[in-house]
């Protein structure tokens, strides 16, 4: 089986795990990245958020609409540029943040059980390198 297929399948299984664990908060597996990034970057624009999490702007708008309706975020026009929306976490987002972080930590512990600290460092470095190469390739294609 190819390495990318293994990575993709592991990613999908991770989303299934997060879906189950986050359901009690009214969230889906993909919302973890929104909650964490918005709490860590209050006032981020929708465009910046799309760049940070590598999804298109329409997906960000759709997920933010859901999170806003669920009272996890609020959006406000940028006072410097009314065409942009700034995204802020609500108290509800701040309250769920540690729970979401814990779910991610649990998943990492599960999938990395038996992997030494040194092996984790090497794996993380290689995966980060792969991500940077993937980003460069996508940026190059987008410029064509």
C-alpha atoms as a PDB file:
ATOM      1  CA  UNK A   1       0.000   0.000   0.000  1.00  0.00           C
ATOM      2  CA  UNK A   2       1.332   3.462  -0.828  1.00  0.00           C
ATOM      3  CA  UNK A   3       2.449   5.864   1.880  1.00  0.00           C
ATOM      4  CA  UNK A   4      -0.102   8.513   0.850  1.00  0.00           C
ATOM      5  CA  UNK A   5      -2.922   5.989   1.022  1.00  0.00           C
ATOM      6  CA  UNK A   6      -1.859   5.096   4.566  1.00  0.00           C
ATOM      7  CA  UNK A   7      -1.679   8.776   5.534  1.00  0.00           C
ATOM      8  CA  UNK A   8      -5.098   9.480   3.986  1.00  0.00           C
ATOM      9  CA  UNK A   9      -6.710   6.497   5.681  1.00  0.00           C
ATOM     10  CA  UNK A  10      -5.182   7.430   9.031  1.00  0.00           C
ATOM     11  CA  UNK A  11      -6.495  10.957   8.555  1.00  0.00           C
ATOM     12  CA  UNK A  12     -10.014   9.723   7.779  1.00  0.00           C
ATOM     13  CA  UNK A  13      -9.936   7.417  10.809  1.00  0.00           C
ATOM     14  CA  UNK A  14      -8.827  10.393  12.915  1.00  0.00           C
ATOM     15  CA  UNK A  15     -11.806  12.377  11.682  1.00  0.00           C
ATOM     16  CA  UNK A  16     -14.129   9.478  12.551  1.00  0.00           C
ATOM     17  CA  UNK A  17     -12.616   9.377  16.055  1.00  0.00           C
ATOM     18  CA  UNK A  18     -13.007  13.160  16.480  1.00  0.00           C
ATOM     19  CA  UNK A  19     -16.591  13.022  15.136  1.00  0.00           C
ATOM     20  CA  UNK A  20     -17.530  10.528  17.828  1.00  0.00           C
ATOM     21  CA  UNK A  21     -15.697  12.355  20.634  1.00  0.00           C
ATOM     22  CA  UNK A  22     -16.853  15.862  19.675  1.00  0.00           C
ATOM     23  CA  UNK A  23     -20.484  14.983  19.011  1.00  0.00           C
ATOM     24  CA  UNK A  24     -21.444  15.780  22.615  1.00  0.00           C
ATOM     25  CA  UNK A  25     -20.322  19.391  22.002  1.00  0.00           C
ATOM     26  CA  UNK A  26     -22.361  19.686  18.808  1.00  0.00           C
ATOM     27  CA  UNK A  27     -19.184  19.647  16.717  1.00  0.00           C
ATOM     28  CA  UNK A  28     -17.863  17.476  13.900  1.00  0.00           C
ATOM     29  CA  UNK A  29     -14.343  16.141  13.473  1.00  0.00           C
ATOM     30  CA  UNK A  30     -13.214  18.911  11.128  1.00  0.00           C
ATOM     31  CA  UNK A  31     -14.205  21.671  13.567  1.00  0.00           C
ATOM     32  CA  UNK A  32     -11.220  21.058  15.831  1.00  0.00           C
ATOM     33  CA  UNK A  33      -8.918  23.038  13.569  1.00  0.00           C
ATOM     34  CA  UNK A  34     -11.332  25.979  13.439  1.00  0.00           C
ATOM     35  CA  UNK A  35     -11.795  26.102  17.221  1.00  0.00           C
ATOM     36  CA  UNK A  36      -8.061  25.856  17.932  1.00  0.00           C
ATOM     37  CA  UNK A  37      -6.986  28.374  15.291  1.00  0.00           C
ATOM     38  CA  UNK A  38      -9.676  30.933  16.089  1.00  0.00           C
ATOM     39  CA  UNK A  39      -8.995  30.742  19.828  1.00  0.00           C
ATOM     40  CA  UNK A  40      -5.266  31.100  19.160  1.00  0.00           C
ATOM     41  CA  UNK A  41      -5.765  33.924  16.611  1.00  0.00           C
ATOM     42  CA  UNK A  42      -8.784  36.010  17.671  1.00  0.00           C
ATOM     43  CA  UNK A  43      -9.680  38.503  14.954  1.00  0.00           C
ATOM     44  CA  UNK A  44      -8.322  36.316  12.145  1.00  0.00           C
ATOM     45  CA  UNK A  45      -9.926  36.966   8.771  1.00  0.00           C
ATOM     46  CA  UNK A  46     -11.769  34.222   6.930  1.00  0.00           C
ATOM     47  CA  UNK A  47      -9.127  34.444   4.183  1.00  0.00           C
ATOM     48  CA  UNK A  48      -6.275  34.032   6.675  1.00  0.00           C
ATOM     49  CA  UNK A  49      -8.046  31.084   8.257  1.00  0.00           C
ATOM     50  CA  UNK A  50      -8.396  29.430   4.841  1.00  0.00           C
ATOM     51  CA  UNK A  51      -4.636  29.804   4.301  1.00  0.00           C
ATOM     52  CA  UNK A  52      -3.750  28.530   7.771  1.00  0.00           C
ATOM     53  CA  UNK A  53      -5.806  25.344   7.497  1.00  0.00           C
ATOM     54  CA  UNK A  54      -5.392  24.747   3.743  1.00  0.00           C
ATOM     55  CA  UNK A  55      -9.050  24.791   2.716  1.00  0.00           C
ATOM     56  CA  UNK A  56     -10.882  26.963   0.224  1.00  0.00           C
ATOM     57  CA  UNK A  57     -12.692  30.118   1.282  1.00  0.00           C
ATOM     58  CA  UNK A  58     -16.163  28.727   0.587  1.00  0.00           C
ATOM     59  CA  UNK A  59     -15.528  25.808   2.975  1.00  0.00           C
ATOM     60  CA  UNK A  60     -14.344  28.243   5.631  1.00  0.00           C
ATOM     61  CA  UNK A  61     -17.454  30.400   5.185  1.00  0.00           C
ATOM     62  CA  UNK A  62     -19.724  27.342   5.424  1.00  0.00           C
ATOM     63  CA  UNK A  63     -18.033  25.971   8.557  1.00  0.00           C
ATOM     64  CA  UNK A  64     -17.956  29.396  10.199  1.00  0.00           C
ATOM     65  CA  UNK A  65     -21.677  29.815   9.524  1.00  0.00           C
ATOM     66  CA  UNK A  66     -22.258  26.528  11.366  1.00  0.00           C
ATOM     67  CA  UNK A  67     -19.957  27.522  14.244  1.00  0.00           C
ATOM     68  CA  UNK A  68     -21.573  30.955  14.471  1.00  0.00           C
ATOM     69  CA  UNK A  69     -25.070  29.424  14.567  1.00  0.00           C
ATOM     70  CA  UNK A  70     -23.802  27.059  17.293  1.00  0.00           C
ATOM     71  CA  UNK A  71     -22.430  30.052  19.259  1.00  0.00           C
ATOM     72  CA  UNK A  72     -18.758  29.034  18.987  1.00  0.00           C
ATOM     73  CA  UNK A  73     -17.651  32.060  16.966  1.00  0.00           C
ATOM     74  CA  UNK A  74     -18.785  35.529  16.066  1.00  0.00           C
ATOM     75  CA  UNK A  75     -17.925  37.382  12.893  1.00  0.00           C
ATOM     76  CA  UNK A  76     -17.619  41.137  12.582  1.00  0.00           C
ATOM     77  CA  UNK A  77     -16.677  43.435   9.709  1.00  0.00           C
ATOM     78  CA  UNK A  78     -13.060  44.574   9.701  1.00  0.00           C
ATOM     79  CA  UNK A  79     -13.121  48.268  10.686  1.00  0.00           C
ATOM     80  CA  UNK A  80     -10.232  48.898   8.264  1.00  0.00           C
ATOM     81  CA  UNK A  81     -11.836  47.038   5.356  1.00  0.00           C
ATOM     82  CA  UNK A  82     -15.576  46.411   5.553  1.00  0.00           C
ATOM     83  CA  UNK A  83     -15.338  43.736   2.833  1.00  0.00           C
ATOM     84  CA  UNK A  84     -13.452  41.443   5.227  1.00  0.00           C
ATOM     85  CA  UNK A  85     -14.904  39.590   8.177  1.00  0.00           C
ATOM     86  CA  UNK A  86     -12.933  39.078  11.363  1.00  0.00           C
ATOM     87  CA  UNK A  87     -13.605  35.926  13.358  1.00  0.00           C
ATOM     88  CA  UNK A  88     -13.593  35.819  17.148  1.00  0.00           C
ATOM     89  CA  UNK A  89     -14.079  32.940  19.575  1.00  0.00           C
ATOM     90  CA  UNK A  90     -16.976  33.083  22.011  1.00  0.00           C
ATOM     91  CA  UNK A  91     -16.843  31.985  25.641  1.00  0.00           C
ATOM     92  CA  UNK A  92     -18.291  28.677  24.457  1.00  0.00           C
ATOM     93  CA  UNK A  93     -15.289  28.201  22.121  1.00  0.00           C
ATOM     94  CA  UNK A  94     -12.859  29.018  24.920  1.00  0.00           C
ATOM     95  CA  UNK A  95     -14.667  26.532  27.178  1.00  0.00           C
ATOM     96  CA  UNK A  96     -14.483  23.693  24.623  1.00  0.00           C
ATOM     97  CA  UNK A  97     -10.878  24.459  23.586  1.00  0.00           C
ATOM     98  CA  UNK A  98      -9.183  22.300  26.264  1.00  0.00           C
ATOM     99  CA  UNK A  99     -11.603  19.450  25.585  1.00  0.00           C
ATOM    100  CA  UNK A 100     -10.813  19.553  21.862  1.00  0.00           C
ATOM    101  CA  UNK A 101      -7.082  19.732  22.570  1.00  0.00           C
ATOM    102  CA  UNK A 102      -7.440  16.709  24.852  1.00  0.00           C
ATOM    103  CA  UNK A 103      -9.259  14.718  22.140  1.00  0.00           C
ATOM    104  CA  UNK A 104      -6.385  15.435  19.742  1.00  0.00           C
ATOM    105  CA  UNK A 105      -3.845  14.473  22.372  1.00  0.00           C
ATOM    106  CA  UNK A 106      -5.682  11.202  23.044  1.00  0.00           C
ATOM    107  CA  UNK A 107      -5.686  10.371  19.314  1.00  0.00           C
ATOM    108  CA  UNK A 108      -1.970  11.063  19.042  1.00  0.00           C
ATOM    109  CA  UNK A 109      -1.303   8.807  22.020  1.00  0.00           C
ATOM    110  CA  UNK A 110      -3.387   6.033  20.463  1.00  0.00           C
ATOM    111  CA  UNK A 111      -1.740   6.103  17.041  1.00  0.00           C
ATOM    112  CA  UNK A 112       1.781   6.671  18.371  1.00  0.00           C
ATOM    113  CA  UNK A 113       1.680   4.010  21.064  1.00  0.00           C
ATOM    114  CA  UNK A 114       4.968   2.109  21.044  1.00  0.00           C
ATOM    115  CA  UNK A 115       6.805   4.758  19.020  1.00  0.00           C
ATOM    116  CA  UNK A 116       9.875   6.112  20.810  1.00  0.00           C
ATOM    117  CA  UNK A 117      10.463   9.830  21.377  1.00  0.00           C
ATOM    118  CA  UNK A 118      13.301   9.780  18.864  1.00  0.00           C
ATOM    119  CA  UNK A 119      11.133   8.049  16.255  1.00  0.00           C
ATOM    120  CA  UNK A 120       8.350  10.600  16.872  1.00  0.00           C
ATOM    121  CA  UNK A 121      10.781  13.469  16.258  1.00  0.00           C
ATOM    122  CA  UNK A 122      12.017  11.922  13.010  1.00  0.00           C
ATOM    123  CA  UNK A 123       8.478  11.136  11.852  1.00  0.00           C
ATOM    124  CA  UNK A 124       7.280  14.657  12.650  1.00  0.00           C
ATOM    125  CA  UNK A 125      10.232  16.173  10.778  1.00  0.00           C
ATOM    126  CA  UNK A 126       9.598  14.022   7.714  1.00  0.00           C
ATOM    127  CA  UNK A 127       5.870  14.752   7.727  1.00  0.00           C
ATOM    128  CA  UNK A 128       6.555  18.500   8.086  1.00  0.00           C
ATOM    129  CA  UNK A 129       8.977  18.312   5.156  1.00  0.00           C
ATOM    130  CA  UNK A 130       6.377  16.442   3.094  1.00  0.00           C
ATOM    131  CA  UNK A 131       3.757  19.066   3.925  1.00  0.00           C
ATOM    132  CA  UNK A 132       6.070  21.894   2.844  1.00  0.00           C
ATOM    133  CA  UNK A 133       6.807  20.122  -0.444  1.00  0.00           C
ATOM    134  CA  UNK A 134       3.086  19.581  -0.979  1.00  0.00           C
ATOM    135  CA  UNK A 135       2.389  23.266  -0.270  1.00  0.00           C
ATOM    136  CA  UNK A 136       5.108  24.333  -2.699  1.00  0.00           C
ATOM    137  CA  UNK A 137       3.683  22.051  -5.403  1.00  0.00           C
ATOM    138  CA  UNK A 138       0.155  23.415  -4.884  1.00  0.00           C
ATOM    139  CA  UNK A 139       1.396  27.016  -4.903  1.00  0.00           C
ATOM    140  CA  UNK A 140       3.257  26.326  -8.129  1.00  0.00           C
ATOM    141  CA  UNK A 141       0.177  24.783  -9.788  1.00  0.00           C
ATOM    142  CA  UNK A 142      -1.975  27.703  -8.638  1.00  0.00           C
ATOM    143  CA  UNK A 143       0.401  30.161 -10.330  1.00  0.00           C
ATOM    144  CA  UNK A 144       0.216  28.363 -13.697  1.00  0.00           C
END
